[in-house]
N, C-alpha and C. Protein backbone atom coordinates (compact mmCIF):
# COMPACT_ATOMS: atom_id res chain seq x y z
N MET A 1 -199.10 135.36 111.26
CA MET A 1 -199.16 134.97 109.87
C MET A 1 -198.83 133.50 109.65
N THR A 2 -198.43 132.78 110.65
CA THR A 2 -198.01 131.40 110.45
C THR A 2 -199.15 130.50 109.99
N GLU A 3 -200.41 130.91 110.13
CA GLU A 3 -201.51 130.08 109.66
C GLU A 3 -201.63 130.06 108.15
N ASN A 4 -200.91 130.94 107.47
CA ASN A 4 -200.93 131.04 106.02
C ASN A 4 -200.42 129.74 105.41
N LYS A 5 -201.24 129.13 104.55
CA LYS A 5 -200.89 127.84 103.94
C LYS A 5 -200.04 127.98 102.68
N GLU A 6 -199.83 129.20 102.24
CA GLU A 6 -199.02 129.45 101.06
C GLU A 6 -197.58 129.01 101.33
N LEU A 7 -196.90 128.58 100.31
CA LEU A 7 -195.52 128.14 100.44
C LEU A 7 -194.62 129.27 100.91
N ILE A 8 -193.69 128.96 101.80
CA ILE A 8 -192.71 129.95 102.22
C ILE A 8 -191.75 130.21 101.06
N ILE A 9 -191.23 129.14 100.48
CA ILE A 9 -190.43 129.24 99.27
C ILE A 9 -191.17 128.48 98.17
N ASP A 10 -191.54 129.18 97.13
CA ASP A 10 -192.25 128.59 96.00
C ASP A 10 -191.25 128.43 94.86
N TRP A 11 -190.67 127.24 94.77
CA TRP A 11 -189.63 127.00 93.77
C TRP A 11 -190.16 127.07 92.35
N GLU A 12 -191.39 126.68 92.15
CA GLU A 12 -191.98 126.77 90.81
C GLU A 12 -192.04 128.23 90.38
N LEU A 13 -192.51 129.09 91.26
CA LEU A 13 -192.58 130.52 90.98
C LEU A 13 -191.17 131.10 90.81
N ALA A 14 -190.26 130.75 91.70
CA ALA A 14 -188.89 131.26 91.62
C ALA A 14 -188.25 130.89 90.29
N THR A 15 -188.44 129.67 89.87
CA THR A 15 -187.86 129.19 88.61
C THR A 15 -188.49 129.93 87.43
N LYS A 16 -189.80 130.10 87.47
CA LYS A 16 -190.49 130.84 86.41
C LYS A 16 -189.97 132.27 86.32
N LEU A 17 -189.82 132.93 87.48
CA LEU A 17 -189.32 134.31 87.50
C LEU A 17 -187.89 134.43 86.99
N ALA A 18 -187.15 133.33 87.08
CA ALA A 18 -185.76 133.31 86.61
C ALA A 18 -185.65 132.76 85.19
N GLY A 19 -186.71 132.89 84.43
CA GLY A 19 -186.66 132.42 83.04
C GLY A 19 -186.52 130.93 82.91
N ASN A 20 -187.11 130.19 83.87
CA ASN A 20 -187.07 128.73 83.90
C ASN A 20 -185.65 128.18 84.05
N LYS A 21 -184.82 128.95 84.73
CA LYS A 21 -183.44 128.52 85.01
C LYS A 21 -183.31 128.30 86.51
N ARG A 22 -183.32 127.06 86.91
CA ARG A 22 -183.31 126.72 88.33
C ARG A 22 -182.06 127.26 89.04
N ASP A 23 -180.90 127.17 88.39
CA ASP A 23 -179.68 127.66 89.03
C ASP A 23 -179.73 129.17 89.26
N LEU A 24 -180.30 129.91 88.33
CA LEU A 24 -180.46 131.35 88.51
C LEU A 24 -181.46 131.64 89.62
N ALA A 25 -182.53 130.86 89.70
CA ALA A 25 -183.52 131.02 90.77
C ALA A 25 -182.86 130.79 92.13
N GLU A 26 -182.04 129.77 92.23
CA GLU A 26 -181.34 129.48 93.49
C GLU A 26 -180.39 130.61 93.86
N GLU A 27 -179.69 131.16 92.87
CA GLU A 27 -178.76 132.25 93.12
C GLU A 27 -179.50 133.51 93.58
N MET A 28 -180.60 133.84 92.90
CA MET A 28 -181.37 135.02 93.27
C MET A 28 -181.96 134.88 94.68
N LEU A 29 -182.44 133.70 94.99
CA LEU A 29 -182.98 133.46 96.32
C LEU A 29 -181.88 133.54 97.37
N SER A 30 -180.72 133.00 97.06
CA SER A 30 -179.60 133.05 97.99
C SER A 30 -179.19 134.49 98.30
N ILE A 31 -179.14 135.31 97.27
CA ILE A 31 -178.79 136.72 97.46
C ILE A 31 -179.82 137.40 98.35
N MET A 32 -181.10 137.13 98.10
CA MET A 32 -182.16 137.74 98.91
C MET A 32 -182.08 137.27 100.36
N VAL A 33 -181.90 135.98 100.56
CA VAL A 33 -181.84 135.43 101.92
C VAL A 33 -180.66 136.06 102.70
N LYS A 34 -179.52 136.20 102.04
CA LYS A 34 -178.36 136.81 102.70
C LYS A 34 -178.63 138.26 103.10
N SER A 35 -179.49 138.94 102.36
CA SER A 35 -179.76 140.35 102.65
C SER A 35 -180.83 140.55 103.72
N LEU A 36 -181.55 139.51 104.08
CA LEU A 36 -182.69 139.67 105.00
C LEU A 36 -182.33 140.30 106.35
N PRO A 37 -181.27 139.87 107.03
CA PRO A 37 -180.96 140.52 108.31
C PRO A 37 -180.71 142.02 108.17
N TYR A 38 -180.00 142.42 107.13
CA TYR A 38 -179.75 143.84 106.88
C TYR A 38 -181.05 144.58 106.58
N GLU A 39 -181.87 144.00 105.72
CA GLU A 39 -183.15 144.63 105.36
C GLU A 39 -184.01 144.83 106.61
N LEU A 40 -184.09 143.80 107.42
CA LEU A 40 -184.91 143.88 108.63
C LEU A 40 -184.38 144.97 109.57
N GLU A 41 -183.08 145.05 109.72
CA GLU A 41 -182.48 146.04 110.62
C GLU A 41 -182.73 147.46 110.12
N THR A 42 -182.56 147.70 108.83
CA THR A 42 -182.78 149.05 108.31
C THR A 42 -184.25 149.46 108.41
N ILE A 43 -185.14 148.53 108.17
CA ILE A 43 -186.58 148.81 108.31
C ILE A 43 -186.91 149.09 109.77
N LYS A 44 -186.33 148.30 110.66
CA LYS A 44 -186.57 148.47 112.10
C LYS A 44 -186.11 149.86 112.57
N ILE A 45 -184.95 150.30 112.10
CA ILE A 45 -184.43 151.61 112.49
C ILE A 45 -185.33 152.73 111.97
N ALA A 46 -185.74 152.64 110.71
CA ALA A 46 -186.62 153.66 110.15
C ALA A 46 -187.94 153.72 110.91
N LEU A 47 -188.47 152.56 111.28
CA LEU A 47 -189.72 152.51 112.04
C LEU A 47 -189.52 153.10 113.43
N ALA A 48 -188.44 152.72 114.09
CA ALA A 48 -188.17 153.19 115.47
C ALA A 48 -187.94 154.69 115.52
N THR A 49 -187.37 155.26 114.47
CA THR A 49 -187.10 156.70 114.45
C THR A 49 -188.23 157.49 113.79
N HIS A 50 -189.29 156.78 113.44
CA HIS A 50 -190.48 157.39 112.81
C HIS A 50 -190.13 158.12 111.52
N ASP A 51 -189.15 157.58 110.80
CA ASP A 51 -188.75 158.14 109.52
C ASP A 51 -189.59 157.47 108.43
N ILE A 52 -190.79 157.97 108.28
CA ILE A 52 -191.77 157.34 107.40
C ILE A 52 -191.34 157.41 105.93
N ALA A 53 -190.71 158.51 105.53
CA ALA A 53 -190.25 158.63 104.14
C ALA A 53 -189.21 157.56 103.82
N THR A 54 -188.25 157.38 104.72
CA THR A 54 -187.23 156.35 104.51
C THR A 54 -187.85 154.96 104.58
N LEU A 55 -188.76 154.76 105.52
CA LEU A 55 -189.44 153.47 105.64
C LEU A 55 -190.16 153.12 104.35
N ALA A 56 -190.85 154.08 103.77
CA ALA A 56 -191.56 153.84 102.50
C ALA A 56 -190.58 153.45 101.40
N LYS A 57 -189.45 154.14 101.31
CA LYS A 57 -188.44 153.83 100.28
C LYS A 57 -187.84 152.44 100.49
N LEU A 58 -187.52 152.12 101.74
CA LEU A 58 -186.94 150.81 102.05
C LEU A 58 -187.91 149.69 101.70
N LEU A 59 -189.16 149.86 102.09
CA LEU A 59 -190.16 148.81 101.83
C LEU A 59 -190.42 148.66 100.34
N HIS A 60 -190.44 149.77 99.62
CA HIS A 60 -190.67 149.70 98.18
C HIS A 60 -189.53 148.95 97.49
N LYS A 61 -188.31 149.29 97.86
CA LYS A 61 -187.14 148.61 97.28
C LYS A 61 -187.12 147.13 97.65
N PHE A 62 -187.41 146.83 98.91
CA PHE A 62 -187.41 145.45 99.38
C PHE A 62 -188.48 144.63 98.68
N ARG A 63 -189.69 145.18 98.60
CA ARG A 63 -190.79 144.48 97.92
C ARG A 63 -190.44 144.26 96.46
N GLY A 64 -189.82 145.26 95.84
CA GLY A 64 -189.41 145.10 94.45
C GLY A 64 -188.43 143.95 94.27
N GLY A 65 -187.48 143.86 95.17
CA GLY A 65 -186.52 142.75 95.12
C GLY A 65 -187.19 141.40 95.29
N LEU A 66 -188.22 141.37 96.11
CA LEU A 66 -188.95 140.13 96.34
C LEU A 66 -189.75 139.70 95.11
N SER A 67 -189.95 140.62 94.19
CA SER A 67 -190.69 140.30 92.96
C SER A 67 -189.89 139.39 92.04
N TYR A 68 -188.62 139.18 92.36
CA TYR A 68 -187.77 138.33 91.53
C TYR A 68 -187.38 137.04 92.24
N CYS A 69 -188.03 136.76 93.36
CA CYS A 69 -187.76 135.56 94.13
C CYS A 69 -189.06 134.81 94.35
N GLY A 70 -188.95 133.59 94.76
CA GLY A 70 -190.13 132.79 95.03
C GLY A 70 -190.50 132.80 96.51
N LEU A 71 -190.71 133.98 97.05
CA LEU A 71 -191.06 134.12 98.47
C LEU A 71 -192.40 134.83 98.60
N PRO A 72 -193.50 134.17 98.21
CA PRO A 72 -194.79 134.86 98.14
C PRO A 72 -195.30 135.37 99.49
N ARG A 73 -195.11 134.62 100.55
CA ARG A 73 -195.60 135.07 101.86
C ARG A 73 -194.84 136.30 102.33
N LEU A 74 -193.53 136.29 102.15
CA LEU A 74 -192.72 137.44 102.55
C LEU A 74 -193.07 138.65 101.69
N LYS A 75 -193.27 138.42 100.40
CA LYS A 75 -193.66 139.52 99.51
C LYS A 75 -195.01 140.09 99.93
N ASN A 76 -195.96 139.23 100.27
CA ASN A 76 -197.27 139.70 100.72
C ASN A 76 -197.16 140.53 101.99
N ALA A 77 -196.32 140.11 102.92
CA ALA A 77 -196.12 140.86 104.16
C ALA A 77 -195.50 142.22 103.87
N ALA A 78 -194.51 142.25 102.98
CA ALA A 78 -193.86 143.51 102.60
C ALA A 78 -194.84 144.43 101.88
N THR A 79 -195.67 143.87 101.03
CA THR A 79 -196.67 144.66 100.31
C THR A 79 -197.68 145.27 101.27
N ALA A 80 -198.16 144.48 102.22
CA ALA A 80 -199.11 144.99 103.20
C ALA A 80 -198.50 146.10 104.05
N PHE A 81 -197.25 145.92 104.44
CA PHE A 81 -196.53 146.92 105.23
C PHE A 81 -196.37 148.21 104.41
N GLU A 82 -195.92 148.06 103.17
CA GLU A 82 -195.72 149.22 102.31
C GLU A 82 -197.04 149.97 102.09
N THR A 83 -198.12 149.23 101.88
CA THR A 83 -199.43 149.85 101.68
C THR A 83 -199.85 150.63 102.93
N ALA A 84 -199.62 150.06 104.10
CA ALA A 84 -199.97 150.74 105.34
C ALA A 84 -199.18 152.04 105.50
N VAL A 85 -197.91 152.01 105.11
CA VAL A 85 -197.09 153.22 105.19
C VAL A 85 -197.60 154.27 104.21
N LYS A 86 -197.84 153.85 102.97
CA LYS A 86 -198.28 154.79 101.94
C LYS A 86 -199.65 155.40 102.23
N THR A 87 -200.50 154.67 102.95
CA THR A 87 -201.85 155.16 103.24
C THR A 87 -201.97 155.72 104.66
N ASN A 88 -200.83 155.96 105.28
CA ASN A 88 -200.76 156.58 106.61
C ASN A 88 -201.54 155.81 107.69
N GLN A 89 -201.52 154.51 107.61
CA GLN A 89 -202.13 153.68 108.65
C GLN A 89 -201.09 153.45 109.75
N LEU A 90 -200.65 154.54 110.35
CA LEU A 90 -199.53 154.50 111.27
C LEU A 90 -199.76 153.63 112.49
N SER A 91 -201.00 153.50 112.92
CA SER A 91 -201.28 152.67 114.11
C SER A 91 -201.07 151.18 113.84
N THR A 92 -200.96 150.79 112.58
CA THR A 92 -200.79 149.37 112.24
C THR A 92 -199.34 149.00 111.92
N LEU A 93 -198.44 149.98 111.92
CA LEU A 93 -197.07 149.71 111.47
C LEU A 93 -196.34 148.70 112.34
N ALA A 94 -196.54 148.74 113.64
CA ALA A 94 -195.86 147.78 114.52
C ALA A 94 -196.31 146.36 114.19
N LYS A 95 -197.58 146.17 113.93
CA LYS A 95 -198.08 144.83 113.58
C LYS A 95 -197.50 144.39 112.24
N HIS A 96 -197.48 145.30 111.28
CA HIS A 96 -196.92 144.95 109.98
C HIS A 96 -195.43 144.61 110.09
N TYR A 97 -194.71 145.35 110.93
CA TYR A 97 -193.30 145.02 111.15
C TYR A 97 -193.17 143.62 111.74
N SER A 98 -194.01 143.33 112.72
CA SER A 98 -193.98 142.01 113.36
C SER A 98 -194.27 140.90 112.35
N ASP A 99 -195.26 141.12 111.50
CA ASP A 99 -195.59 140.12 110.47
C ASP A 99 -194.42 139.93 109.50
N LEU A 100 -193.80 141.05 109.10
CA LEU A 100 -192.67 140.97 108.19
C LEU A 100 -191.50 140.23 108.84
N GLU A 101 -191.23 140.56 110.07
CA GLU A 101 -190.14 139.90 110.80
C GLU A 101 -190.41 138.40 110.91
N GLU A 102 -191.63 138.03 111.23
CA GLU A 102 -191.99 136.62 111.36
C GLU A 102 -191.76 135.88 110.04
N GLU A 103 -192.18 136.47 108.95
CA GLU A 103 -191.99 135.82 107.64
C GLU A 103 -190.51 135.73 107.28
N MET A 104 -189.75 136.78 107.59
CA MET A 104 -188.31 136.72 107.33
C MET A 104 -187.65 135.61 108.13
N LEU A 105 -188.03 135.49 109.38
CA LEU A 105 -187.44 134.44 110.22
C LEU A 105 -187.80 133.05 109.71
N LEU A 106 -189.01 132.88 109.22
CA LEU A 106 -189.41 131.59 108.64
C LEU A 106 -188.54 131.26 107.42
N VAL A 107 -188.31 132.25 106.57
CA VAL A 107 -187.45 132.04 105.39
C VAL A 107 -186.04 131.67 105.84
N LEU A 108 -185.52 132.40 106.80
CA LEU A 108 -184.16 132.11 107.30
C LEU A 108 -184.06 130.73 107.92
N GLN A 109 -185.07 130.34 108.71
CA GLN A 109 -185.07 129.02 109.33
C GLN A 109 -185.14 127.93 108.27
N LEU A 110 -186.03 128.10 107.31
CA LEU A 110 -186.18 127.10 106.26
C LEU A 110 -184.88 127.00 105.45
N ASN A 111 -184.28 128.12 105.16
CA ASN A 111 -183.02 128.13 104.43
C ASN A 111 -181.92 127.42 105.21
N ASP A 112 -181.84 127.68 106.53
CA ASP A 112 -180.85 127.00 107.36
C ASP A 112 -181.07 125.49 107.37
N GLN A 113 -182.33 125.07 107.43
CA GLN A 113 -182.66 123.64 107.46
C GLN A 113 -182.29 122.95 106.16
N THR A 114 -182.54 123.63 105.03
CA THR A 114 -182.24 123.00 103.75
C THR A 114 -180.76 123.05 103.42
N ALA A 115 -180.02 123.95 104.05
CA ALA A 115 -178.57 124.06 103.80
C ALA A 115 -177.79 122.97 104.54
N LYS A 116 -178.41 122.35 105.51
CA LYS A 116 -177.70 121.33 106.32
C LYS A 116 -177.76 119.98 105.68
């Protein structure tokens, strides 16, 4: 997914979603970024144990949370993964997990770079 030219963090979108309050957008993004390792781990466990019902719930909740942040690429990856789960495209789940993980790592790396 790295060829995607869409912004990893879209501050204009994040600010708009936060009612045009930049400080609220930063806080919401910070909360989401802090939760990424946990989200990834819980999704990974559900996938590894073939718990499709839990995987669907986790992805739905995660994608919903992303609807309030300016992370369009990560949201798109989560949406694609959730769609694959809901439509029983089980042979594609490993690829969708990989895409989601890649996007999460990009967000974490970018966040680490901007925090320094």
